[in-house]
Amino acid sequence: MTKAIISSVVDLTEGGCNACGIVECVSYTLTINEREIPLEELTVASLVMTIALKNGFKQEMKMDMLDDYLSFTKSGYEVKLFEDYDQLTYRSTDSELQTKNRIKDTKELTEKVNELLTKLFKLETIEFEY
């Protein structure tokens, strides 16, 4: 089983004027096999994309008559991601899973990511640490 560590750094910056308050900016990093990968944000889509790309999937934006979607392909196998506000739909030829993108509980977030990675991307389970 692969281990992954999610870490975060909080930067506090001032807005630049007397009326502006302090702004909190959180940066996340995913460390797998001693390799640090910056995350855009801590969401289902960001974690799934980062891990899929690290495991050899190629990402491409595709445009259909009705929908635009992200396509993840590896050796002829494709997983499609359809996004609608905070709702994500991942679809392969034999399965489909829907989820919210933003999940506050990190345990629930990583369980959902593992479900998507194992069932749709056919990758091994990842043991997440914080």
Protein backbone atom coordinates (compact mmCIF):
# COMPACT_ATOMS: atom_id res chain seq x y z
CA MET A 1 0.00 0.00 0.00
CA THR A 2 1.32 3.43 -0.96
CA LYS A 3 1.59 6.05 1.77
CA ALA A 4 0.87 9.71 1.13
CA ILE A 5 1.27 12.66 3.47
CA ILE A 6 -0.87 15.77 3.12
CA SER A 7 0.68 18.82 4.73
CA SER A 8 -0.33 22.44 4.80
CA VAL A 9 1.23 25.82 5.43
CA VAL A 10 -0.78 28.86 6.45
CA ASP A 11 0.45 32.28 5.38
CA LEU A 12 -1.05 35.42 6.87
CA THR A 13 -0.72 38.52 4.74
CA GLU A 14 -2.01 42.02 5.11
CA GLY A 15 -4.38 43.42 2.52
CA GLY A 16 -2.16 46.46 1.93
CA CYS A 17 -4.27 49.26 3.38
CA ASN A 18 -5.73 50.25 6.73
CA ALA A 19 -9.22 49.09 5.77
CA CYS A 20 -8.10 45.64 4.65
CA GLY A 21 -7.70 42.95 7.26
CA ILE A 22 -5.35 40.03 7.46
CA VAL A 23 -5.89 37.41 4.75
CA GLU A 24 -5.25 33.73 5.42
CA CYS A 25 -3.77 31.71 2.54
CA VAL A 26 -3.42 27.92 2.91
CA SER A 27 -1.05 25.97 0.67
CA TYR A 28 -1.23 22.15 0.51
CA THR A 29 1.45 19.63 -0.44
CA LEU A 30 1.06 15.92 -1.18
CA THR A 31 4.15 13.81 -0.50
CA ILE A 32 4.29 10.36 -2.14
CA ASN A 33 7.49 8.27 -2.19
CA GLU A 34 9.49 11.24 -0.88
CA ARG A 35 8.30 13.39 -3.81
CA GLU A 36 6.50 16.60 -2.92
CA ILE A 37 3.65 17.65 -5.21
CA PRO A 38 1.88 20.98 -4.65
CA LEU A 39 -1.91 20.83 -4.63
CA GLU A 40 -4.06 23.59 -6.07
CA GLU A 41 -6.50 23.07 -3.19
CA LEU A 42 -7.60 20.25 -0.91
CA THR A 43 -10.56 18.86 -2.86
CA VAL A 44 -11.60 15.52 -4.31
CA ALA A 45 -10.87 16.64 -7.90
CA SER A 46 -7.44 18.04 -7.03
CA LEU A 47 -6.31 14.90 -5.16
CA VAL A 48 -7.68 12.49 -7.78
CA MET A 49 -6.11 14.45 -10.65
CA THR A 50 -2.71 14.66 -8.93
CA ILE A 51 -2.58 10.95 -8.08
CA ALA A 52 -3.91 9.84 -11.48
CA LEU A 53 -1.30 11.93 -13.33
CA LYS A 54 1.45 10.63 -11.03
CA ASN A 55 0.37 7.07 -11.96
CA GLY A 56 0.71 7.59 -15.72
CA PHE A 57 -2.72 8.84 -16.75
CA LYS A 58 -2.85 11.62 -19.34
CA GLN A 59 -5.34 14.45 -18.89
CA GLU A 60 -7.16 16.17 -21.74
CA MET A 61 -10.08 18.59 -21.96
CA LYS A 62 -12.71 17.28 -24.39
CA MET A 63 -15.68 19.08 -25.83
CA ASP A 64 -18.84 17.23 -26.72
CA MET A 65 -22.03 18.62 -28.27
CA LEU A 66 -23.70 18.84 -24.85
CA ASP A 67 -20.88 18.64 -22.30
CA ASP A 68 -17.28 19.60 -21.75
CA TYR A 69 -15.34 17.14 -19.64
CA LEU A 70 -11.88 16.10 -18.51
CA SER A 71 -10.62 12.82 -19.90
CA PHE A 72 -8.02 10.73 -18.07
CA THR A 73 -6.52 8.01 -20.30
CA LYS A 74 -3.91 5.30 -19.82
CA SER A 75 -3.27 2.39 -22.19
CA GLY A 76 -6.61 2.84 -23.95
CA TYR A 77 -8.62 2.99 -20.68
CA GLU A 78 -10.57 6.23 -20.12
CA VAL A 79 -12.19 7.87 -17.09
CA LYS A 80 -14.31 10.97 -17.74
CA LEU A 81 -14.88 13.75 -15.21
CA PHE A 82 -17.99 15.90 -15.55
CA GLU A 83 -18.10 18.92 -13.22
CA ASP A 84 -21.22 20.83 -12.18
CA TYR A 85 -20.63 23.42 -9.43
CA ASP A 86 -19.67 21.33 -6.37
CA GLN A 87 -20.89 18.05 -7.90
CA LEU A 88 -18.45 15.69 -9.66
CA THR A 89 -19.36 12.71 -11.83
CA TYR A 90 -16.57 10.26 -12.71
CA ARG A 91 -17.50 7.79 -15.44
CA SER A 92 -15.70 4.84 -17.01
CA THR A 93 -17.00 2.21 -19.41
CA ASP A 94 -18.16 -0.05 -16.57
CA SER A 95 -18.85 2.27 -13.62
CA GLU A 96 -19.97 5.73 -12.51
CA LEU A 97 -19.52 7.54 -9.18
CA GLN A 98 -20.81 10.93 -8.04
CA THR A 99 -19.48 13.02 -5.18
CA LYS A 100 -19.21 16.51 -3.82
CA ASN A 101 -15.90 18.17 -4.64
CA ARG A 102 -15.42 19.98 -1.33
CA ILE A 103 -15.52 17.71 1.71
CA LYS A 104 -14.46 19.35 4.98
CA ASP A 105 -13.84 16.13 6.96
CA THR A 106 -10.39 14.95 5.82
CA LYS A 107 -11.11 11.31 6.67
CA GLU A 108 -14.27 11.34 4.53
CA LEU A 109 -12.36 13.21 1.77
CA THR A 110 -9.56 10.64 1.59
CA GLU A 111 -12.04 7.72 1.73
CA LYS A 112 -13.91 9.16 -1.26
CA VAL A 113 -10.63 9.72 -3.14
CA ASN A 114 -9.59 6.11 -2.48
CA GLU A 115 -12.98 4.85 -3.65
CA LEU A 116 -12.61 6.74 -6.94
CA LEU A 117 -8.99 5.67 -7.45
CA THR A 118 -9.63 1.97 -6.81
CA LYS A 119 -13.01 1.54 -8.53
CA LEU A 120 -12.59 3.78 -11.57
CA PHE A 121 -8.87 4.32 -12.08
CA LYS A 122 -8.01 0.77 -10.97
CA LEU A 123 -5.16 1.97 -8.73
CA GLU A 124 -4.15 0.60 -5.34
CA THR A 125 -5.46 2.08 -2.11
CA ILE A 126 -3.42 4.94 -0.64
CA GLU A 127 -2.86 5.36 3.08
CA PHE A 128 -3.18 9.09 3.77
CA GLU A 129 -1.56 10.83 6.73
CA TYR A 130 -1.81 14.44 7.88
